[in-house]
N, C-alpha and C. Protein backbone atom coordinates (compact mmCIF):
# COMPACT_ATOMS: atom_id res chain seq x y z
N MET A 1 -2.48 -1.87 -23.62
CA MET A 1 -1.31 -1.80 -22.64
C MET A 1 -0.36 -2.22 -21.78
N ALA A 2 1.22 -1.96 -22.61
CA ALA A 2 1.76 -2.62 -21.51
C ALA A 2 2.07 -2.21 -19.92
N LYS A 3 1.87 -3.09 -19.54
CA LYS A 3 2.18 -2.33 -17.46
C LYS A 3 3.52 -2.32 -16.69
N LEU A 4 3.77 -0.13 -16.58
CA LEU A 4 5.11 -0.53 -15.97
C LEU A 4 5.21 -1.18 -14.97
N LYS A 5 6.95 -1.94 -14.93
CA LYS A 5 7.49 -2.76 -13.96
C LYS A 5 8.69 -2.11 -13.68
N LEU A 6 8.28 -2.20 -12.00
CA LEU A 6 9.78 -1.29 -11.97
C LEU A 6 10.14 -1.87 -11.04
N SER A 7 10.55 -3.19 -11.09
CA SER A 7 11.61 -3.69 -9.65
C SER A 7 12.05 -5.10 -10.66
N LYS A 8 12.76 -5.77 -10.35
CA LYS A 8 12.89 -6.82 -10.88
C LYS A 8 12.85 -7.85 -10.40
N LEU A 9 12.38 -7.63 -9.00
CA LEU A 9 11.69 -9.18 -8.77
C LEU A 9 10.27 -9.49 -8.77
N GLN A 10 9.49 -10.29 -9.02
CA GLN A 10 8.89 -10.99 -10.10
C GLN A 10 7.03 -10.39 -8.48
N PRO A 11 6.52 -10.10 -9.95
CA PRO A 11 4.95 -9.54 -9.03
C PRO A 11 4.58 -10.33 -7.55
N ARG A 12 3.71 -10.30 -7.24
CA ARG A 12 3.85 -10.91 -6.08
C ARG A 12 2.60 -10.12 -5.23
N TYR A 13 1.64 -10.07 -5.06
CA TYR A 13 0.89 -9.18 -3.87
C TYR A 13 -0.29 -8.99 -4.77
N SER A 14 -1.00 -9.43 -3.83
CA SER A 14 -2.48 -7.99 -5.06
C SER A 14 -3.01 -7.51 -3.66
N PHE A 15 -3.15 -6.08 -4.54
CA PHE A 15 -3.64 -4.82 -4.13
C PHE A 15 -4.64 -3.91 -3.86
N ILE A 16 -5.36 -3.75 -2.96
CA ILE A 16 -6.36 -3.02 -2.29
C ILE A 16 -5.77 -1.41 -1.48
N LEU A 17 -6.41 -0.65 -1.91
CA LEU A 17 -6.36 0.51 -0.93
C LEU A 17 -8.08 1.33 -0.95
N ASN A 18 -8.47 0.57 0.34
CA ASN A 18 -9.81 0.50 0.73
C ASN A 18 -9.77 1.87 1.14
N PRO A 19 -10.92 3.19 0.30
CA PRO A 19 -10.96 4.88 0.03
C PRO A 19 -12.42 4.51 1.19
N TYR A 20 -12.70 4.01 1.99
CA TYR A 20 -13.92 4.09 3.10
C TYR A 20 -13.43 3.81 4.67
N SER A 21 -13.75 4.97 4.82
CA SER A 21 -13.34 4.91 6.72
C SER A 21 -13.86 4.18 7.48
N ASN A 22 -15.78 4.02 6.93
CA ASN A 22 -16.14 3.36 7.91
C ASN A 22 -16.49 1.42 7.88
N GLU A 23 -15.65 1.33 6.63
CA GLU A 23 -15.59 -0.12 6.75
C GLU A 23 -14.11 -0.78 6.68
N ARG A 24 -13.93 -1.39 7.43
CA ARG A 24 -13.09 -2.14 7.11
C ARG A 24 -13.28 -4.02 7.39
N PHE A 25 -11.65 -4.93 6.57
CA PHE A 25 -12.34 -5.47 6.36
C PHE A 25 -11.40 -6.71 7.67
N SER A 26 -11.69 -7.54 8.15
CA SER A 26 -11.77 -8.71 9.02
C SER A 26 -12.06 -9.77 8.34
N LYS A 27 -12.67 -10.09 6.89
CA LYS A 27 -12.54 -11.12 6.29
C LYS A 27 -12.43 -10.67 4.60
N CYS A 28 -12.10 -11.54 3.89
CA CYS A 28 -10.79 -11.66 2.66
C CYS A 28 -12.49 -11.26 1.79
N PRO A 29 -12.32 -10.22 0.77
CA PRO A 29 -13.60 -10.25 0.20
C PRO A 29 -13.37 -10.70 -1.48
N LYS A 30 -12.34 -11.33 -1.64
CA LYS A 30 -12.28 -12.65 -2.94
C LYS A 30 -12.88 -14.15 -1.94
N CYS A 31 -12.02 -14.57 -0.22
CA CYS A 31 -12.27 -16.23 -0.29
C CYS A 31 -13.07 -16.31 1.25
N ASN A 32 -13.53 -14.53 1.05
CA ASN A 32 -14.14 -14.88 2.11
C ASN A 32 -13.46 -15.31 4.42
N ARG A 33 -12.46 -15.85 3.96
CA ARG A 33 -11.85 -16.52 5.10
C ARG A 33 -11.01 -14.71 5.72
N SER A 34 -10.25 -15.66 7.23
CA SER A 34 -10.71 -14.07 7.99
C SER A 34 -9.41 -13.93 7.46
N THR A 35 -8.78 -12.48 7.44
CA THR A 35 -7.69 -11.49 7.75
C THR A 35 -7.16 -11.44 8.78
N HIS A 36 -5.45 -11.54 8.29
CA HIS A 36 -4.80 -10.50 9.54
C HIS A 36 -3.72 -9.76 9.78
N LEU A 37 -4.17 -9.31 10.26
CA LEU A 37 -2.18 -7.29 9.92
C LEU A 37 -1.30 -8.31 10.33
N ARG A 38 -0.44 -7.77 9.80
CA ARG A 38 0.62 -7.50 9.32
C ARG A 38 1.27 -7.04 9.22
N LYS A 39 2.46 -6.60 8.95
CA LYS A 39 2.97 -4.85 9.00
C LYS A 39 3.96 -4.94 7.03
N PHE A 40 3.85 -4.17 6.32
CA PHE A 40 4.45 -4.40 4.99
C PHE A 40 5.29 -2.45 5.35
N ALA A 41 6.15 -2.52 4.28
CA ALA A 41 7.13 -1.52 3.79
C ALA A 41 6.56 -1.22 2.57
N LEU A 42 5.41 -0.29 2.13
CA LEU A 42 4.89 0.16 0.80
C LEU A 42 6.09 1.64 0.37
N LEU A 43 6.06 1.06 -1.03
CA LEU A 43 6.52 2.57 -1.89
C LEU A 43 5.74 2.78 -2.46
N ILE A 44 5.92 4.29 -2.12
CA ILE A 44 4.84 5.49 -3.09
C ILE A 44 5.42 6.31 -2.77
N HIS A 45 5.24 6.73 -4.97
CA HIS A 45 5.31 8.07 -5.29
C HIS A 45 4.51 9.00 -4.96
N VAL A 46 5.35 9.78 -4.08
CA VAL A 46 4.00 11.31 -3.96
C VAL A 46 5.09 12.08 -4.58
N GLU A 47 4.03 12.95 -5.08
CA GLU A 47 4.30 13.75 -6.45
C GLU A 47 4.36 14.99 -5.62
N GLU A 48 5.50 16.04 -6.19
CA GLU A 48 6.38 16.51 -6.09
C GLU A 48 8.11 17.13 -4.80
N PHE A 49 7.66 15.51 -4.90
CA PHE A 49 8.76 14.93 -3.64
C PHE A 49 9.45 13.74 -4.30
N GLY A 50 8.82 12.40 -3.88
CA GLY A 50 9.90 11.64 -5.00
C GLY A 50 9.11 10.15 -4.28
N ALA A 51 10.34 9.36 -4.42
CA ALA A 51 9.18 8.17 -3.39
C ALA A 51 10.23 8.21 -2.01
N MET A 52 9.14 7.25 -1.12
CA MET A 52 9.70 7.08 -0.57
C MET A 52 9.29 5.81 0.49
N THR A 53 9.36 5.44 0.89
CA THR A 53 8.88 3.79 2.19
C THR A 53 8.35 3.85 3.26
N LEU A 54 7.38 3.55 3.30
CA LEU A 54 6.85 3.79 4.79
C LEU A 54 6.12 2.88 4.57
N GLY A 55 6.62 2.20 6.67
CA GLY A 55 6.59 1.28 7.20
C GLY A 55 4.67 1.18 7.63
N LYS A 56 3.70 0.09 6.85
CA LYS A 56 2.98 0.19 7.49
C LYS A 56 1.49 -0.78 7.33
N THR A 57 0.57 -1.08 8.98
CA THR A 57 0.00 -2.52 9.38
C THR A 57 -0.97 -2.45 8.32
N CYS A 58 -1.39 -3.65 7.46
CA CYS A 58 -2.09 -3.26 6.68
C CYS A 58 -3.14 -5.03 7.20
N ARG A 59 -4.43 -5.33 6.56
CA ARG A 59 -5.14 -5.91 6.77
C ARG A 59 -4.21 -7.24 5.50
N TYR A 60 -4.44 -8.65 5.70
CA TYR A 60 -3.99 -9.65 5.00
C TYR A 60 -4.32 -10.55 4.91
N CYS A 61 -4.27 -11.48 3.45
CA CYS A 61 -4.65 -12.74 3.82
C CYS A 61 -4.06 -13.78 2.57
N THR A 62 -3.66 -14.44 3.59
CA THR A 62 -2.59 -15.50 3.34
C THR A 62 -3.17 -16.24 1.94
N PRO A 63 -4.43 -16.83 2.15
CA PRO A 63 -4.73 -17.87 0.74
C PRO A 63 -4.29 -16.79 -0.11
N CYS A 64 -4.48 -15.71 -0.51
CA CYS A 64 -4.85 -15.13 -1.71
C CYS A 64 -3.63 -13.93 -1.71
N GLU A 65 -2.56 -13.65 -0.76
CA GLU A 65 -1.75 -13.54 -0.86
C GLU A 65 -2.36 -11.80 -0.87
N LEU A 66 -3.78 -11.02 -0.91
CA LEU A 66 -4.01 -9.52 -1.01
C LEU A 66 -3.28 -9.17 0.03
N ILE A 67 -3.35 -7.82 -0.44
CA ILE A 67 -3.00 -7.13 1.08
C ILE A 67 -4.06 -5.54 0.74
N ILE A 68 -4.54 -5.34 2.27
CA ILE A 68 -5.66 -3.89 1.67
C ILE A 68 -5.29 -3.01 2.81
N ALA A 69 -5.25 -2.20 1.89
CA ALA A 69 -4.22 -1.18 2.78
C ALA A 69 -5.89 -0.16 3.21
N HIS A 70 -5.81 0.75 4.02
CA HIS A 70 -6.98 1.24 4.22
C HIS A 70 -6.08 3.16 4.11
N GLN A 71 -6.60 3.86 2.96
CA GLN A 71 -6.46 4.84 2.85
C GLN A 71 -6.32 5.92 3.76
N ASP A 72 -7.57 6.06 4.74
CA ASP A 72 -7.47 6.95 6.10
C ASP A 72 -6.55 7.03 6.82
N GLU A 73 -6.14 5.54 6.81
CA GLU A 73 -4.25 5.73 7.95
C GLU A 73 -3.72 5.89 7.22
N LEU A 74 -3.50 5.72 6.09
CA LEU A 74 -1.89 5.30 5.39
C LEU A 74 -1.97 6.89 4.81
N GLU A 75 -3.29 7.91 5.41
CA GLU A 75 -2.92 8.72 4.90
C GLU A 75 -2.85 10.15 5.87
N ASP A 76 -2.89 9.80 7.30
CA ASP A 76 -2.72 9.76 8.21
C ASP A 76 -1.01 10.01 8.64
N GLN A 77 -1.04 8.27 8.17
CA GLN A 77 1.17 8.01 8.03
C GLN A 77 1.11 9.27 7.09
N LEU A 78 1.40 10.06 6.52
CA LEU A 78 2.26 9.71 5.66
C LEU A 78 1.33 11.75 6.24
N THR A 79 0.85 12.36 6.47
CA THR A 79 0.15 13.26 6.84
C THR A 79 1.79 13.07 8.07
N TYR A 80 1.93 12.23 9.14
CA TYR A 80 2.92 12.97 9.59
C TYR A 80 4.17 12.94 9.59
N SER A 81 4.49 12.02 8.50
CA SER A 81 5.72 12.05 7.97
C SER A 81 6.42 12.92 7.17
N PHE A 82 5.72 13.97 6.41
CA PHE A 82 5.70 15.15 5.94
C PHE A 82 5.68 16.46 6.75
N ARG A 83 5.38 16.55 7.94
CA ARG A 83 4.90 17.12 8.56
C ARG A 83 7.14 17.21 9.26
N THR A 84 7.44 15.83 9.83
CA THR A 84 8.76 15.83 10.04
C THR A 84 10.05 16.35 8.93
N ILE A 85 9.37 15.47 7.31
CA ILE A 85 10.03 15.21 6.72
C ILE A 85 10.62 17.33 6.12
N SER A 86 9.67 16.78 5.59
CA SER A 86 9.59 18.33 4.44
C SER A 86 7.44 19.16 5.05
N PRO A 87 7.93 20.43 5.20
CA PRO A 87 6.39 20.28 6.34
C PRO A 87 5.13 21.47 5.30
N GLU A 88 6.20 22.07 3.74
CA GLU A 88 6.08 22.89 2.70
C GLU A 88 5.55 21.70 1.46
N ALA A 89 6.00 20.26 1.81
CA ALA A 89 5.06 18.98 0.60
C ALA A 89 3.87 19.06 0.23
N ALA A 90 3.47 19.27 -1.12
CA ALA A 90 2.02 19.06 -0.95
C ALA A 90 1.77 17.84 -1.00
N TRP A 91 1.57 16.54 0.04
CA TRP A 91 1.58 15.24 0.13
C TRP A 91 0.40 14.11 -1.06
N ASP A 92 -0.40 15.32 -0.97
CA ASP A 92 -1.73 14.98 -1.42
C ASP A 92 -2.27 13.73 -2.67
N LYS A 93 -1.42 13.75 -3.68
CA LYS A 93 -0.61 12.94 -4.39
C LYS A 93 -0.16 12.21 -4.25
N TYR A 94 -0.76 10.82 -4.56
CA TYR A 94 0.24 9.78 -3.88
C TYR A 94 0.47 8.36 -5.19
N MET A 95 1.36 7.79 -5.29
CA MET A 95 0.39 6.44 -5.43
C MET A 95 0.97 5.29 -4.94
N VAL A 96 0.58 3.80 -4.36
CA VAL A 96 1.27 3.28 -3.58
C VAL A 96 2.30 2.26 -5.16
N LEU A 97 3.27 1.78 -5.31
CA LEU A 97 4.04 1.03 -6.09
C LEU A 97 4.49 0.25 -5.67
N GLY A 98 4.20 -0.60 -4.65
CA GLY A 98 4.69 -2.28 -3.88
C GLY A 98 5.37 -2.11 -2.93
N ILE A 99 5.62 -3.63 -2.58
CA ILE A 99 6.09 -3.96 -1.20
C ILE A 99 7.79 -3.75 -1.59
N VAL A 100 8.59 -3.85 0.02
CA VAL A 100 9.69 -3.50 -0.84
C VAL A 100 10.30 -4.40 0.25
N ASP A 101 11.22 -5.01 0.72
CA ASP A 101 11.85 -5.80 1.39
C ASP A 101 12.12 -4.95 2.69
N LYS A 102 11.80 -5.60 3.69
CA LYS A 102 11.68 -5.83 4.96
C LYS A 102 13.33 -5.13 5.61
N LYS A 103 14.28 -5.65 5.02
CA LYS A 103 15.76 -5.22 5.69
C LYS A 103 16.59 -4.45 4.79
N ILE A 104 16.12 -4.58 3.38
CA ILE A 104 15.72 -2.60 3.43
C ILE A 104 15.61 -1.42 3.53
N TRP A 105 14.18 -1.39 4.06
CA TRP A 105 13.74 -0.27 4.63
C TRP A 105 13.98 -0.06 5.47
N GLN A 106 14.32 -1.27 6.67
CA GLN A 106 14.92 -1.53 8.27
C GLN A 106 16.74 -0.73 7.81
N SER A 107 17.15 -0.99 7.27
CA SER A 107 18.43 0.07 6.84
C SER A 107 18.25 1.57 6.55
N GLY A 108 16.97 1.54 6.00
CA GLY A 108 16.57 2.86 5.21
C GLY A 108 16.84 4.14 7.14
N LEU A 109 15.71 2.99 7.96
CA LEU A 109 15.32 3.61 9.49
C LEU A 109 16.62 4.06 10.18
N GLN A 110 17.28 2.88 10.04
CA GLN A 110 18.84 3.43 11.03
C GLN A 110 20.09 4.19 9.92
N GLY A 111 18.96 5.26 9.32
CA GLY A 111 20.02 6.25 8.82
C GLY A 111 21.13 6.01 7.26
N ASP A 112 20.60 4.99 6.57
CA ASP A 112 21.42 4.07 5.95
C ASP A 112 21.06 4.07 4.64
N SER A 113 19.98 4.80 4.03
CA SER A 113 19.19 4.84 3.16
C SER A 113 19.71 4.73 2.00
N PRO A 114 19.80 3.90 1.59
CA PRO A 114 20.14 2.97 0.04
C PRO A 114 19.94 3.36 -0.93
N PRO A 115 20.28 3.96 -2.35
CA PRO A 115 20.12 4.45 -2.93
C PRO A 115 18.56 4.05 -3.20
N LEU A 116 17.82 4.41 -4.63
CA LEU A 116 16.84 4.57 -5.44
C LEU A 116 16.18 3.40 -6.12
N ASP A 117 17.70 2.88 -6.72
CA ASP A 117 18.45 2.01 -7.66
C ASP A 117 18.04 0.45 -6.92
N ASP A 118 18.81 0.58 -5.87
CA ASP A 118 18.81 -0.98 -4.51
C ASP A 118 17.99 -1.42 -4.30
N VAL A 119 16.29 -0.66 -3.86
CA VAL A 119 15.42 -0.12 -3.61
C VAL A 119 14.82 -1.06 -4.74
N LEU A 120 15.23 -0.02 -5.22
CA LEU A 120 13.85 -0.76 -6.37
C LEU A 120 14.75 -2.06 -6.84
N LYS A 121 15.73 -2.73 -6.45
CA LYS A 121 15.79 -4.44 -6.61
C LYS A 121 15.52 -5.17 -5.67
N HIS A 122 14.98 -4.59 -5.33
CA HIS A 122 14.45 -5.38 -3.66
C HIS A 122 13.80 -4.77 -3.28
N THR A 123 12.11 -4.58 -4.89
CA THR A 123 10.86 -4.44 -4.09
C THR A 123 10.08 -5.22 -5.20
N THR A 124 8.86 -5.96 -5.18
CA THR A 124 8.14 -6.36 -5.83
C THR A 124 7.07 -5.36 -6.15
N ASP A 125 6.49 -5.43 -7.22
CA ASP A 125 5.65 -5.14 -8.08
C ASP A 125 4.44 -5.18 -7.53
N PHE A 126 3.11 -5.38 -7.83
CA PHE A 126 2.10 -6.11 -7.76
C PHE A 126 1.29 -6.69 -8.08
N LYS A 127 1.14 -8.14 -8.08
CA LYS A 127 0.27 -8.52 -9.32
C LYS A 127 -0.65 -8.03 -9.88
N ARG A 128 -1.44 -6.92 -9.43
CA ARG A 128 -2.98 -6.89 -9.88
C ARG A 128 -3.43 -5.92 -8.51
N VAL A 129 -4.18 -4.78 -8.69
CA VAL A 129 -4.17 -3.31 -7.74
C VAL A 129 -6.28 -3.86 -8.39
N LEU A 130 -6.72 -3.53 -7.87
CA LEU A 130 -8.26 -4.44 -7.09
C LEU A 130 -8.76 -2.55 -6.10
N GLN A 131 -9.99 -2.66 -6.86
CA GLN A 131 -10.66 -1.20 -6.28
C GLN A 131 -11.67 -2.37 -5.79
N LEU A 132 -12.16 -1.37 -5.13
CA LEU A 132 -13.49 -1.68 -4.00
C LEU A 132 -14.88 -1.12 -4.53
N LYS A 133 -15.55 -1.09 -3.96
CA LYS A 133 -17.18 -0.74 -4.64
C LYS A 133 -17.63 -0.80 -3.30
N SER A 134 -18.30 -0.13 -2.98
CA SER A 134 -19.08 -0.42 -2.05
C SER A 134 -20.87 0.37 -2.09
N HIS A 135 -21.70 -0.69 -1.98
CA HIS A 135 -23.14 -0.68 -2.14
C HIS A 135 -23.83 -0.18 0.04
N PRO A 136 -24.79 1.05 -0.28
CA PRO A 136 -25.06 1.52 0.62
C PRO A 136 -25.71 -0.17 1.19
N ARG A 137 -25.66 0.13 2.21
CA ARG A 137 -26.96 -1.47 2.95
C ARG A 137 -28.45 -0.06 2.37
N GLY A 138 -29.46 -1.18 2.47
CA GLY A 138 -31.22 -1.35 2.33
C GLY A 138 -31.63 -1.57 1.29
N TRP A 139 -32.88 -1.31 1.23
CA TRP A 139 -34.22 -1.84 0.10
C TRP A 139 -33.25 -1.65 -1.16
N TYR A 140 -33.71 -2.49 -1.70
CA TYR A 140 -34.05 -2.36 -2.99
C TYR A 140 -35.24 -3.30 -4.30
N PRO A 141 -35.34 -2.14 -5.47
CA PRO A 141 -35.87 -3.27 -5.85
C PRO A 141 -35.53 -3.77 -6.77
N ALA A 142 -36.52 -5.52 -6.82
CA ALA A 142 -35.88 -6.20 -7.17
C ALA A 142 -35.95 -6.25 -8.43
N LYS A 143 -34.49 -6.35 -8.90
CA LYS A 143 -34.60 -6.93 -10.37
C LYS A 143 -35.62 -7.35 -11.80
C-alpha cells in the first residue's frame, strides 16, 4: 500500500504518540540517550472539524530525530482549544499528520492564518510513526 504524502517537503521525523499517562520518556526508546523538551507545531486532522496546527512541547531525541508526544497532554490542549474555538465540535477522533514550520504556525497565531495549501507547503510528513507497547512490571515465568 502506498503511503499518502501530504506535504511538499521531505519526510524528516519519527513520531510516537504515547498513550500511557503513567510513563514518560527521559530516555529515548531507540538509542537510550537522554531526551529533551522541544516545541513543535503539530498538524492535526480532527474529524468533523478539519486541519489545525497546535503548538506542543514534546520529548525529542536529536540523534534519532524522534518526537514523543504524550497523548493525555495533547488531548488536554485539544480540549482547551476546542472549548474556545468551537465548543460544540467533537474532537475525540484526531490524527497527528506532520510538523509545520514554526514561522507559518506563528503567523497563524498573530491572526494572519495562511490557507491550508500554504501550510502544507511548509509541512514535513513523518518518516515513521511508531507504536509503544508497555509490559507491566512484575515476575514472569522463564521462557
